């Protein structure tokens, strides 16, 4: 494991729950738009971080890298959805399933 992967792993484990807790704590003070943007940005950062845990994409691994990123976004968004913050296009992304299902 490289240093980059270790730092990204720590960011996912430490920063994402902290941002989630802050969003939940300030749910009454923040506008609905602000909560949505926090959710969107944090979910995208989590997706990119999850994808980067596999390393920098190459032509051979690009599809796996994209799917890892989508999985990271879905996982992060599930946490935000649990506290009542929802976004339409992230709801649609959450509905993406394996074609064999």
N, C-alpha and C. Protein backbone atom coordinates (compact mmCIF):
# COMPACT_ATOMS: atom_id res chain seq x y z
N UNK A 1 0.86 -1.18 0.00
CA UNK A 1 0.00 0.00 0.00
C UNK A 1 0.89 1.23 0.00
N UNK A 2 0.58 2.15 -0.90
CA UNK A 2 1.36 3.38 -0.98
C UNK A 2 0.83 4.39 0.06
N UNK A 3 1.59 5.46 0.23
CA UNK A 3 1.17 6.51 1.15
C UNK A 3 -0.12 7.16 0.69
N UNK A 4 -0.26 7.31 -0.63
CA UNK A 4 -1.48 7.90 -1.16
C UNK A 4 -2.70 7.08 -0.78
N UNK A 5 -2.61 5.78 -0.92
CA UNK A 5 -3.74 4.92 -0.56
C UNK A 5 -4.03 4.97 0.93
N UNK A 6 -2.98 5.03 1.75
CA UNK A 6 -3.18 5.11 3.20
C UNK A 6 -3.88 6.42 3.59
N UNK A 7 -3.46 7.52 3.00
CA UNK A 7 -4.06 8.82 3.31
C UNK A 7 -5.52 8.85 2.84
N UNK A 8 -5.78 8.34 1.65
CA UNK A 8 -7.15 8.30 1.14
C UNK A 8 -8.04 7.44 2.02
N UNK A 9 -7.51 6.30 2.46
CA UNK A 9 -8.28 5.44 3.37
C UNK A 9 -8.63 6.15 4.67
N UNK A 10 -7.66 6.88 5.22
CA UNK A 10 -7.92 7.64 6.45
C UNK A 10 -8.94 8.75 6.22
N UNK A 11 -8.87 9.40 5.07
CA UNK A 11 -9.85 10.45 4.77
C UNK A 11 -11.25 9.86 4.74
N UNK A 12 -11.39 8.71 4.08
CA UNK A 12 -12.71 8.08 4.02
C UNK A 12 -13.21 7.68 5.40
N UNK A 13 -12.32 7.16 6.22
CA UNK A 13 -12.73 6.65 7.53
C UNK A 13 -12.95 7.77 8.55
N UNK A 14 -12.18 8.84 8.47
CA UNK A 14 -12.28 9.91 9.46
C UNK A 14 -13.08 11.12 9.01
N UNK A 15 -12.87 11.59 7.80
CA UNK A 15 -13.48 12.83 7.36
C UNK A 15 -14.95 12.64 6.99
N UNK A 16 -15.27 11.59 6.27
CA UNK A 16 -16.65 11.39 5.85
C UNK A 16 -17.62 11.29 7.03
N UNK A 17 -17.34 10.50 8.06
CA UNK A 17 -18.26 10.48 9.21
C UNK A 17 -18.34 11.84 9.92
N UNK A 18 -17.23 12.58 9.95
CA UNK A 18 -17.23 13.91 10.58
C UNK A 18 -18.15 14.85 9.81
N UNK A 19 -18.04 14.87 8.48
CA UNK A 19 -18.90 15.73 7.67
C UNK A 19 -20.36 15.32 7.82
N UNK A 20 -20.60 14.03 7.89
CA UNK A 20 -21.96 13.53 8.10
C UNK A 20 -22.52 14.01 9.43
N UNK A 21 -21.71 13.95 10.48
CA UNK A 21 -22.15 14.41 11.80
C UNK A 21 -22.41 15.91 11.82
N UNK A 22 -21.56 16.68 11.14
CA UNK A 22 -21.77 18.13 11.06
C UNK A 22 -23.06 18.44 10.31
N UNK A 23 -23.28 17.74 9.20
CA UNK A 23 -24.51 17.96 8.43
C UNK A 23 -25.75 17.62 9.25
N UNK A 24 -25.66 16.57 10.04
CA UNK A 24 -26.80 16.19 10.88
C UNK A 24 -27.01 17.20 12.00
N UNK A 25 -25.91 17.67 12.61
CA UNK A 25 -26.00 18.61 13.73
C UNK A 25 -26.60 19.95 13.30
N UNK A 26 -26.20 20.44 12.12
CA UNK A 26 -26.67 21.74 11.65
C UNK A 26 -27.84 21.62 10.68
N UNK A 27 -28.57 20.54 10.74
CA UNK A 27 -29.67 20.31 9.81
C UNK A 27 -30.74 21.40 9.92
N UNK A 28 -30.99 21.92 11.10
CA UNK A 28 -32.00 22.96 11.27
C UNK A 28 -31.50 24.33 10.83
N UNK A 29 -30.21 24.60 11.03
CA UNK A 29 -29.66 25.91 10.72
C UNK A 29 -29.34 26.09 9.24
N UNK A 30 -28.98 25.01 8.55
CA UNK A 30 -28.60 25.09 7.14
C UNK A 30 -29.83 25.01 6.26
N UNK A 31 -29.78 25.69 5.16
CA UNK A 31 -30.88 25.60 4.19
C UNK A 31 -30.85 24.23 3.52
N UNK A 32 -31.95 23.89 2.89
CA UNK A 32 -32.03 22.61 2.19
C UNK A 32 -31.01 22.54 1.06
N UNK A 33 -30.81 23.65 0.39
CA UNK A 33 -29.83 23.71 -0.70
C UNK A 33 -28.42 23.49 -0.18
N UNK A 34 -28.08 24.10 0.94
CA UNK A 34 -26.74 23.92 1.52
C UNK A 34 -26.51 22.47 1.93
N UNK A 35 -27.52 21.86 2.52
CA UNK A 35 -27.39 20.44 2.91
C UNK A 35 -27.20 19.56 1.69
N UNK A 36 -27.94 19.86 0.62
CA UNK A 36 -27.79 19.06 -0.60
C UNK A 36 -26.39 19.20 -1.19
N UNK A 37 -25.86 20.42 -1.22
CA UNK A 37 -24.52 20.60 -1.79
C UNK A 37 -23.44 19.95 -0.94
N UNK A 38 -23.60 19.99 0.36
CA UNK A 38 -22.65 19.27 1.23
C UNK A 38 -22.70 17.79 0.91
N UNK A 39 -23.89 17.27 0.74
CA UNK A 39 -24.08 15.86 0.41
C UNK A 39 -23.45 15.52 -0.94
N UNK A 40 -23.70 16.34 -1.95
CA UNK A 40 -23.16 16.09 -3.28
C UNK A 40 -21.64 16.13 -3.28
N UNK A 41 -21.06 17.17 -2.70
CA UNK A 41 -19.60 17.30 -2.69
C UNK A 41 -18.96 16.16 -1.91
N UNK A 42 -19.48 15.86 -0.73
CA UNK A 42 -18.90 14.78 0.08
C UNK A 42 -19.04 13.43 -0.62
N UNK A 43 -20.15 13.20 -1.29
CA UNK A 43 -20.34 11.93 -1.99
C UNK A 43 -19.38 11.79 -3.17
N UNK A 44 -19.19 12.88 -3.91
CA UNK A 44 -18.26 12.84 -5.04
C UNK A 44 -16.82 12.65 -4.55
N UNK A 45 -16.45 13.35 -3.49
CA UNK A 45 -15.10 13.18 -2.93
C UNK A 45 -14.90 11.74 -2.46
N UNK A 46 -15.91 11.17 -1.81
CA UNK A 46 -15.81 9.78 -1.36
C UNK A 46 -15.69 8.83 -2.55
N UNK A 47 -16.42 9.11 -3.62
CA UNK A 47 -16.33 8.28 -4.82
C UNK A 47 -14.95 8.33 -5.45
N UNK A 48 -14.41 9.54 -5.58
CA UNK A 48 -13.07 9.68 -6.16
C UNK A 48 -12.03 9.03 -5.27
N UNK A 49 -12.17 9.21 -3.96
CA UNK A 49 -11.23 8.60 -3.03
C UNK A 49 -11.29 7.07 -3.10
N UNK A 50 -12.50 6.53 -3.18
CA UNK A 50 -12.65 5.08 -3.30
C UNK A 50 -12.01 4.57 -4.57
N UNK A 51 -12.21 5.28 -5.66
CA UNK A 51 -11.61 4.88 -6.93
C UNK A 51 -10.08 4.95 -6.86
N UNK A 52 -9.56 6.00 -6.22
CA UNK A 52 -8.10 6.16 -6.13
C UNK A 52 -7.44 5.13 -5.22
N UNK A 53 -8.22 4.49 -4.35
CA UNK A 53 -7.64 3.44 -3.52
C UNK A 53 -7.08 2.31 -4.36
N UNK A 54 -7.63 2.11 -5.55
CA UNK A 54 -7.13 1.09 -6.47
C UNK A 54 -5.95 1.56 -7.28
N UNK A 55 -5.54 2.79 -7.11
CA UNK A 55 -4.42 3.34 -7.85
C UNK A 55 -4.90 4.24 -8.98
N UNK A 56 -3.94 4.85 -9.66
CA UNK A 56 -4.24 5.72 -10.78
C UNK A 56 -4.75 4.86 -11.93
N UNK A 57 -5.83 5.26 -12.58
CA UNK A 57 -6.39 4.40 -13.63
C UNK A 57 -5.48 4.31 -14.85
N UNK A 58 -5.46 3.14 -15.43
CA UNK A 58 -4.79 2.89 -16.70
C UNK A 58 -5.87 2.47 -17.69
N UNK A 59 -5.56 2.39 -18.96
CA UNK A 59 -6.59 1.93 -19.91
C UNK A 59 -7.16 0.55 -19.55
N UNK A 60 -6.35 -0.30 -18.94
CA UNK A 60 -6.83 -1.63 -18.56
C UNK A 60 -7.75 -1.61 -17.34
N UNK A 61 -7.56 -0.65 -16.47
CA UNK A 61 -8.32 -0.63 -15.22
C UNK A 61 -9.34 0.50 -15.14
N UNK A 62 -9.53 1.24 -16.21
CA UNK A 62 -10.40 2.42 -16.16
C UNK A 62 -11.84 2.08 -15.82
N UNK A 63 -12.39 1.02 -16.41
CA UNK A 63 -13.78 0.65 -16.13
C UNK A 63 -13.95 0.26 -14.66
N UNK A 64 -13.01 -0.50 -14.13
CA UNK A 64 -13.07 -0.86 -12.70
C UNK A 64 -12.95 0.38 -11.82
N UNK A 65 -12.13 1.31 -12.24
CA UNK A 65 -11.94 2.56 -11.50
C UNK A 65 -13.25 3.34 -11.45
N UNK A 66 -13.95 3.42 -12.59
CA UNK A 66 -15.23 4.13 -12.64
C UNK A 66 -16.26 3.45 -11.75
N UNK A 67 -16.34 2.13 -11.82
CA UNK A 67 -17.31 1.41 -10.99
C UNK A 67 -16.99 1.56 -9.50
N UNK A 68 -15.72 1.59 -9.15
CA UNK A 68 -15.35 1.82 -7.75
C UNK A 68 -15.78 3.21 -7.32
N UNK A 69 -15.63 4.19 -8.20
CA UNK A 69 -16.06 5.55 -7.89
C UNK A 69 -17.56 5.65 -7.70
N UNK A 70 -18.32 4.98 -8.57
CA UNK A 70 -19.78 4.98 -8.43
C UNK A 70 -20.18 4.30 -7.12
N UNK A 71 -19.51 3.21 -6.79
CA UNK A 71 -19.80 2.53 -5.52
C UNK A 71 -19.51 3.41 -4.31
N UNK A 72 -18.42 4.17 -4.38
CA UNK A 72 -18.10 5.08 -3.29
C UNK A 72 -19.13 6.18 -3.13
N UNK A 73 -19.61 6.71 -4.25
CA UNK A 73 -20.66 7.74 -4.21
C UNK A 73 -21.94 7.16 -3.63
N UNK A 74 -22.31 5.96 -4.07
CA UNK A 74 -23.54 5.33 -3.57
C UNK A 74 -23.46 5.06 -2.07
N UNK A 75 -22.32 4.59 -1.61
CA UNK A 75 -22.15 4.29 -0.19
C UNK A 75 -22.23 5.56 0.65
N UNK A 76 -21.56 6.61 0.21
CA UNK A 76 -21.60 7.87 0.93
C UNK A 76 -23.01 8.44 0.95
N UNK A 77 -23.67 8.39 -0.19
CA UNK A 77 -25.03 8.94 -0.26
C UNK A 77 -26.01 8.17 0.61
N UNK A 78 -25.81 6.88 0.74
CA UNK A 78 -26.69 6.08 1.61
C UNK A 78 -26.63 6.61 3.05
N UNK A 79 -25.46 7.03 3.47
CA UNK A 79 -25.33 7.59 4.83
C UNK A 79 -26.08 8.91 4.94
N UNK A 80 -25.98 9.77 3.93
CA UNK A 80 -26.69 11.04 3.97
C UNK A 80 -28.20 10.84 3.87
N UNK A 81 -28.61 9.88 3.07
CA UNK A 81 -30.03 9.61 2.93
C UNK A 81 -30.62 9.13 4.25
N UNK A 82 -29.82 8.42 5.04
CA UNK A 82 -30.28 7.92 6.33
C UNK A 82 -30.62 9.06 7.30
N UNK A 83 -29.99 10.22 7.14
CA UNK A 83 -30.31 11.35 8.02
C UNK A 83 -31.26 12.33 7.36
N UNK A 84 -31.81 11.95 6.20
CA UNK A 84 -32.86 12.76 5.58
C UNK A 84 -32.41 13.73 4.51
N UNK A 85 -31.17 13.68 4.08
CA UNK A 85 -30.70 14.56 3.01
C UNK A 85 -30.76 13.78 1.71
N UNK A 86 -31.56 14.25 0.77
CA UNK A 86 -31.71 13.53 -0.49
C UNK A 86 -31.44 14.45 -1.67
N UNK A 87 -30.98 13.85 -2.76
CA UNK A 87 -30.71 14.56 -4.01
C UNK A 87 -31.24 13.67 -5.13
N UNK A 88 -31.98 14.25 -6.06
CA UNK A 88 -32.63 13.48 -7.10
C UNK A 88 -31.69 12.63 -7.94
N UNK A 89 -30.61 13.22 -8.46
CA UNK A 89 -29.74 12.43 -9.35
C UNK A 89 -28.94 11.40 -8.57
N UNK A 90 -28.67 11.63 -7.30
CA UNK A 90 -28.01 10.60 -6.49
C UNK A 90 -28.98 9.47 -6.17
N UNK A 91 -30.27 9.79 -6.03
CA UNK A 91 -31.27 8.74 -5.89
C UNK A 91 -31.30 7.86 -7.13
N UNK A 92 -31.20 8.47 -8.30
CA UNK A 92 -31.18 7.71 -9.55
C UNK A 92 -29.91 6.85 -9.64
N UNK A 93 -28.79 7.39 -9.21
CA UNK A 93 -27.53 6.63 -9.23
C UNK A 93 -27.60 5.45 -8.26
N UNK A 94 -28.30 5.64 -7.16
CA UNK A 94 -28.45 4.57 -6.19
C UNK A 94 -29.24 3.41 -6.78
N UNK A 95 -30.07 3.69 -7.77
CA UNK A 95 -30.86 2.66 -8.41
C UNK A 95 -30.11 1.84 -9.44
N UNK A 96 -28.86 2.23 -9.76
CA UNK A 96 -28.05 1.48 -10.73
C UNK A 96 -27.70 0.13 -10.13
N UNK A 97 -28.04 -0.93 -10.84
CA UNK A 97 -27.78 -2.27 -10.34
C UNK A 97 -27.07 -3.07 -11.42
N UNK A 98 -26.54 -4.18 -11.04
CA UNK A 98 -25.90 -5.11 -11.96
C UNK A 98 -26.95 -5.61 -12.95
N UNK A 99 -26.58 -5.73 -14.22
CA UNK A 99 -27.52 -6.17 -15.25
C UNK A 99 -28.05 -7.57 -15.01
N UNK A 100 -27.33 -8.39 -14.25
CA UNK A 100 -27.75 -9.75 -13.98
C UNK A 100 -28.76 -9.84 -12.84
N UNK A 101 -28.95 -8.75 -12.07
CA UNK A 101 -29.85 -8.79 -10.93
C UNK A 101 -31.29 -8.83 -11.36
